[in-house]
C-alpha atoms as a PDB file:
ATOM      1  CA  MET A   1    -149.247-161.451   0.843  1.00  0.00           C
ATOM      2  CA  SER A   2    -146.420-158.972   0.536  1.00  0.00           C
ATOM      3  CA  PRO A   3    -143.084-160.039  -0.970  1.00  0.00           C
ATOM      4  CA  PHE A   4    -141.295-159.266   2.308  1.00  0.00           C
ATOM      5  CA  ARG A   5    -143.656-161.479   4.289  1.00  0.00           C
ATOM      6  CA  THR A   6    -143.303-164.286   1.732  1.00  0.00           C
ATOM      7  CA  ALA A   7    -139.482-164.096   1.913  1.00  0.00           C
ATOM      8  CA  LEU A   8    -139.585-164.040   5.707  1.00  0.00           C
ATOM      9  CA  LEU A   9    -141.923-167.034   5.858  1.00  0.00           C
ATOM     10  CA  THR A  10    -139.743-168.939   3.354  1.00  0.00           C
ATOM     11  CA  GLY A  11    -136.613-168.186   5.404  1.00  0.00           C
ATOM     12  CA  VAL A  12    -138.202-169.299   8.678  1.00  0.00           C
ATOM     13  CA  LEU A  13    -139.537-172.519   7.136  1.00  0.00           C
ATOM     14  CA  THR A  14    -136.144-173.243   5.540  1.00  0.00           C
ATOM     15  CA  LEU A  15    -134.351-172.769   8.866  1.00  0.00           C
ATOM     16  CA  ALA A  16    -136.912-174.912  10.698  1.00  0.00           C
ATOM     17  CA  LEU A  17    -136.632-177.691   8.123  1.00  0.00           C
ATOM     18  CA  GLY A  18    -132.818-177.501   8.245  1.00  0.00           C
ATOM     19  CA  ALA A  19    -132.827-177.683  12.038  1.00  0.00           C
ATOM     20  CA  GLY A  20    -135.156-180.695  11.883  1.00  0.00           C
ATOM     21  CA  ILE A  21    -132.857-182.474   9.416  1.00  0.00           C
ATOM     22  CA  VAL A  22    -129.780-181.766  11.580  1.00  0.00           C
ATOM     23  CA  ALA A  23    -131.580-182.951  14.724  1.00  0.00           C
ATOM     24  CA  SER A  24    -132.699-186.145  12.969  1.00  0.00           C
ATOM     25  CA  TRP A  25    -129.182-186.769  11.662  1.00  0.00           C
ATOM     26  CA  LEU A  26    -127.625-186.334  15.111  1.00  0.00           C
ATOM     27  CA  HIS A  27    -130.278-188.533  16.688  1.00  0.00           C
ATOM     28  CA  PHE A  28    -129.729-191.467  14.341  1.00  0.00           C
ATOM     29  CA  ARG A  29    -125.999-190.932  13.776  1.00  0.00           C
ATOM     30  CA  PRO A  30    -124.590-189.322  16.928  1.00  0.00           C
ATOM     31  CA  LEU A  31    -121.151-187.780  16.849  1.00  0.00           C
ATOM     32  CA  GLU A  32    -118.564-190.344  17.786  1.00  0.00           C
ATOM     33  CA  ILE A  33    -116.272-188.937  20.419  1.00  0.00           C
ATOM     34  CA  PRO A  34    -113.102-191.007  20.633  1.00  0.00           C
ATOM     35  CA  ARG A  35    -112.733-192.775  23.964  1.00  0.00           C
ATOM     36  CA  PHE A  36    -109.380-193.289  25.605  1.00  0.00           C
ATOM     37  CA  ALA A  37    -107.997-195.181  28.578  1.00  0.00           C
ATOM     38  CA  ARG A  38    -104.467-195.225  29.921  1.00  0.00           C
ATOM     39  CA  VAL A  39    -102.201-198.113  30.854  1.00  0.00           C
ATOM     40  CA  ASN A  40     -98.914-197.777  32.716  1.00  0.00           C
ATOM     41  CA  ILE A  41     -96.820-200.081  30.529  1.00  0.00           C
ATOM     42  CA  GLY A  42     -93.608-199.028  32.289  1.00  0.00           C
ATOM     43  CA  ALA A  43     -94.869-200.242  35.667  1.00  0.00           C
ATOM     44  CA  LEU A  44     -96.088-203.547  34.225  1.00  0.00           C
ATOM     45  CA  VAL A  45     -92.743-204.201  32.524  1.00  0.00           C
ATOM     46  CA  ALA A  46     -90.828-203.132  35.659  1.00  0.00           C
ATOM     47  CA  GLN A  47     -92.810-205.638  37.750  1.00  0.00           C
ATOM     48  CA  GLN A  48     -91.966-208.388  35.253  1.00  0.00           C
ATOM     49  CA  GLN A  49     -88.299-207.374  35.234  1.00  0.00           C
ATOM     50  CA  GLN A  50     -88.207-207.443  39.035  1.00  0.00           C
ATOM     51  CA  SER A  51     -89.751-210.897  38.993  1.00  0.00           C
ATOM     52  CA  LEU A  52     -87.135-212.128  36.546  1.00  0.00           C
ATOM     53  CA  VAL A  53     -84.273-210.507  38.503  1.00  0.00           C
ATOM     54  CA  GLU A  54     -85.417-212.294  41.659  1.00  0.00           C
ATOM     55  CA  ARG A  55     -85.232-215.622  39.810  1.00  0.00           C
ATOM     56  CA  VAL A  56     -81.686-215.051  38.505  1.00  0.00           C
ATOM     57  CA  LYS A  57     -79.060-216.853  40.546  1.00  0.00           C
ATOM     58  CA  PRO A  58     -75.280-216.996  40.136  1.00  0.00           C
ATOM     59  CA  GLY A  59     -74.173-220.161  38.343  1.00  0.00           C
ATOM     60  CA  MET A  60     -77.565-220.903  36.784  1.00  0.00           C
ATOM     61  CA  GLU A  61     -77.785-223.785  34.380  1.00  0.00           C
ATOM     62  CA  ALA A  62     -78.334-223.074  30.704  1.00  0.00           C
ATOM     63  CA  THR A  63     -81.780-224.680  30.821  1.00  0.00           C
ATOM     64  CA  GLU A  64     -82.872-222.352  33.642  1.00  0.00           C
ATOM     65  CA  GLN A  65     -81.524-219.351  31.724  1.00  0.00           C
ATOM     66  CA  ALA A  66     -83.404-220.481  28.624  1.00  0.00           C
ATOM     67  CA  ARG A  67     -86.577-220.847  30.688  1.00  0.00           C
ATOM     68  CA  LEU A  68     -86.172-217.280  31.990  1.00  0.00           C
ATOM     69  CA  PHE A  69     -85.701-216.032  28.438  1.00  0.00           C
ATOM     70  CA  GLU A  70     -88.807-217.916  27.289  1.00  0.00           C
ATOM     71  CA  ASP A  71     -90.797-216.522  30.230  1.00  0.00           C
ATOM     72  CA  ALA A  72     -89.759-212.986  29.277  1.00  0.00           C
ATOM     73  CA  LYS A  73     -90.773-213.609  25.662  1.00  0.00           C
ATOM     74  CA  ALA A  74     -94.084-215.141  26.755  1.00  0.00           C
ATOM     75  CA  PHE A  75     -94.752-212.085  28.948  1.00  0.00           C
ATOM     76  CA  GLY A  76     -94.498-209.848  25.896  1.00  0.00           C
ATOM     77  CA  LEU A  77     -97.041-211.983  24.044  1.00  0.00           C
ATOM     78  CA  ARG A  78     -99.391-212.093  27.042  1.00  0.00           C
ATOM     79  CA  LEU A  79     -99.109-208.331  27.486  1.00  0.00           C
ATOM     80  CA  ASP A  80     -99.968-207.722  23.842  1.00  0.00           C
ATOM     81  CA  ALA A  81    -102.960-210.068  24.061  1.00  0.00           C
ATOM     82  CA  ALA A  82    -104.107-208.414  27.318  1.00  0.00           C
ATOM     83  CA  LEU A  83    -103.918-204.963  25.728  1.00  0.00           C
ATOM     84  CA  ASP A  84    -106.005-206.197  22.798  1.00  0.00           C
ATOM     85  CA  GLN A  85    -108.573-207.726  25.152  1.00  0.00           C
ATOM     86  CA  VAL A  86    -108.874-204.610  27.322  1.00  0.00           C
ATOM     87  CA  ALA A  87    -109.231-202.382  24.250  1.00  0.00           C
ATOM     88  CA  GLN A  88    -112.080-204.621  23.058  1.00  0.00           C
ATOM     89  CA  GLU A  89    -113.722-204.620  26.506  1.00  0.00           C
ATOM     90  CA  CYS A  90    -113.726-200.846  26.884  1.00  0.00           C
ATOM     91  CA  GLN A  91    -114.246-200.103  23.186  1.00  0.00           C
ATOM     92  CA  CYS A  92    -111.535-197.462  23.467  1.00  0.00           C
ATOM     93  CA  ALA A  93    -108.008-196.626  22.408  1.00  0.00           C
ATOM     94  CA  LEU A  94    -105.324-197.369  24.984  1.00  0.00           C
ATOM     95  CA  ILE A  95    -102.604-194.799  25.659  1.00  0.00           C
ATOM     96  CA  ASN A  96     -99.375-195.431  27.520  1.00  0.00           C
ATOM     97  CA  SER A  97     -99.434-193.355  30.718  1.00  0.00           C
ATOM     98  CA  ALA A  98     -95.945-192.088  29.883  1.00  0.00           C
ATOM     99  CA  ALA A  99     -97.365-190.455  26.734  1.00  0.00           C
ATOM    100  CA  LEU A 100    -100.074-188.579  28.631  1.00  0.00           C
ATOM    101  CA  LEU A 101     -98.953-185.041  29.375  1.00  0.00           C
ATOM    102  CA  LYS A 102    -101.979-183.656  31.223  1.00  0.00           C
ATOM    103  CA  ALA A 103    -105.575-184.558  31.922  1.00  0.00           C
ATOM    104  CA  SER A 104    -108.239-182.262  33.294  1.00  0.00           C
ATOM    105  CA  SER A 105    -108.955-184.737  36.089  1.00  0.00           C
ATOM    106  CA  ALA A 106    -108.052-188.258  37.137  1.00  0.00           C
ATOM    107  CA  ALA A 107    -111.397-189.487  35.822  1.00  0.00           C
ATOM    108  CA  ALA A 108    -110.927-187.814  32.429  1.00  0.00           C
ATOM    109  CA  ILE A 109    -108.951-190.788  31.107  1.00  0.00           C
ATOM    110  CA  PRO A 110    -109.478-193.900  33.232  1.00  0.00           C
ATOM    111  CA  ASP A 111    -106.476-196.025  34.225  1.00  0.00           C
ATOM    112  CA  LEU A 112    -106.919-199.669  33.183  1.00  0.00           C
ATOM    113  CA  SER A 113    -103.439-200.841  34.245  1.00  0.00           C
ATOM    114  CA  ALA A 114    -104.872-203.085  36.963  1.00  0.00           C
ATOM    115  CA  ARG A 115    -107.174-204.825  34.467  1.00  0.00           C
ATOM    116  CA  VAL A 116    -104.293-205.424  32.040  1.00  0.00           C
ATOM    117  CA  ALA A 117    -102.124-206.804  34.874  1.00  0.00           C
ATOM    118  CA  GLU A 118    -104.973-209.084  35.954  1.00  0.00           C
ATOM    119  CA  ILE A 119    -105.345-210.515  32.440  1.00  0.00           C
ATOM    120  CA  VAL A 120    -101.580-210.971  32.065  1.00  0.00           C
ATOM    121  CA  ARG A 121    -101.464-212.927  35.341  1.00  0.00           C
ATOM    122  CA  MET A 122    -104.472-215.076  34.361  1.00  0.00           C
ATOM    123  CA  ALA A 123    -103.056-215.965  30.939  1.00  0.00           C
ATOM    124  CA  PRO A 124    -101.197-219.261  30.597  1.00  0.00           C
ATOM    125  CA  ALA A 125     -97.478-218.928  31.295  1.00  0.00           C
ATOM    126  CA  SER A 126     -96.468-220.288  27.917  1.00  0.00           C
ATOM    127  CA  PRO A 127     -98.832-220.033  24.949  1.00  0.00           C
ATOM    128  CA  LEU A 128     -96.599-222.480  23.054  1.00  0.00           C
ATOM    129  CA  ALA A 129     -97.254-225.213  25.612  1.00  0.00           C
ATOM    130  CA  GLN A 130    -100.905-225.537  24.574  1.00  0.00           C
END
């Protein structure tokens, strides 16, 4: 066999073996593409604020004011827990919609605001009461 043919055969076999190793690696350890979902935190907080504003009345007793304050604090805890739960459900990172500048399409980064709102509403009103 000529030296040129031997070198060519060695090069082809090396490339084929390398391609096989890369293909095996990608098959058993696929590239992990980060997954994202968006949540409109501003809208969720605005809804809660509106709910609290509707409950405020002139001349409220101190106990009612304290209850409103506790409800607002409990909402923050429920929202945090709901965000954690949704992130675990979708196995993705959650991004505030206000931080998203552009997306190629509406389906590029799904909106999970409704799911977060659903969990917040289902959660007990006061976690301290349990």
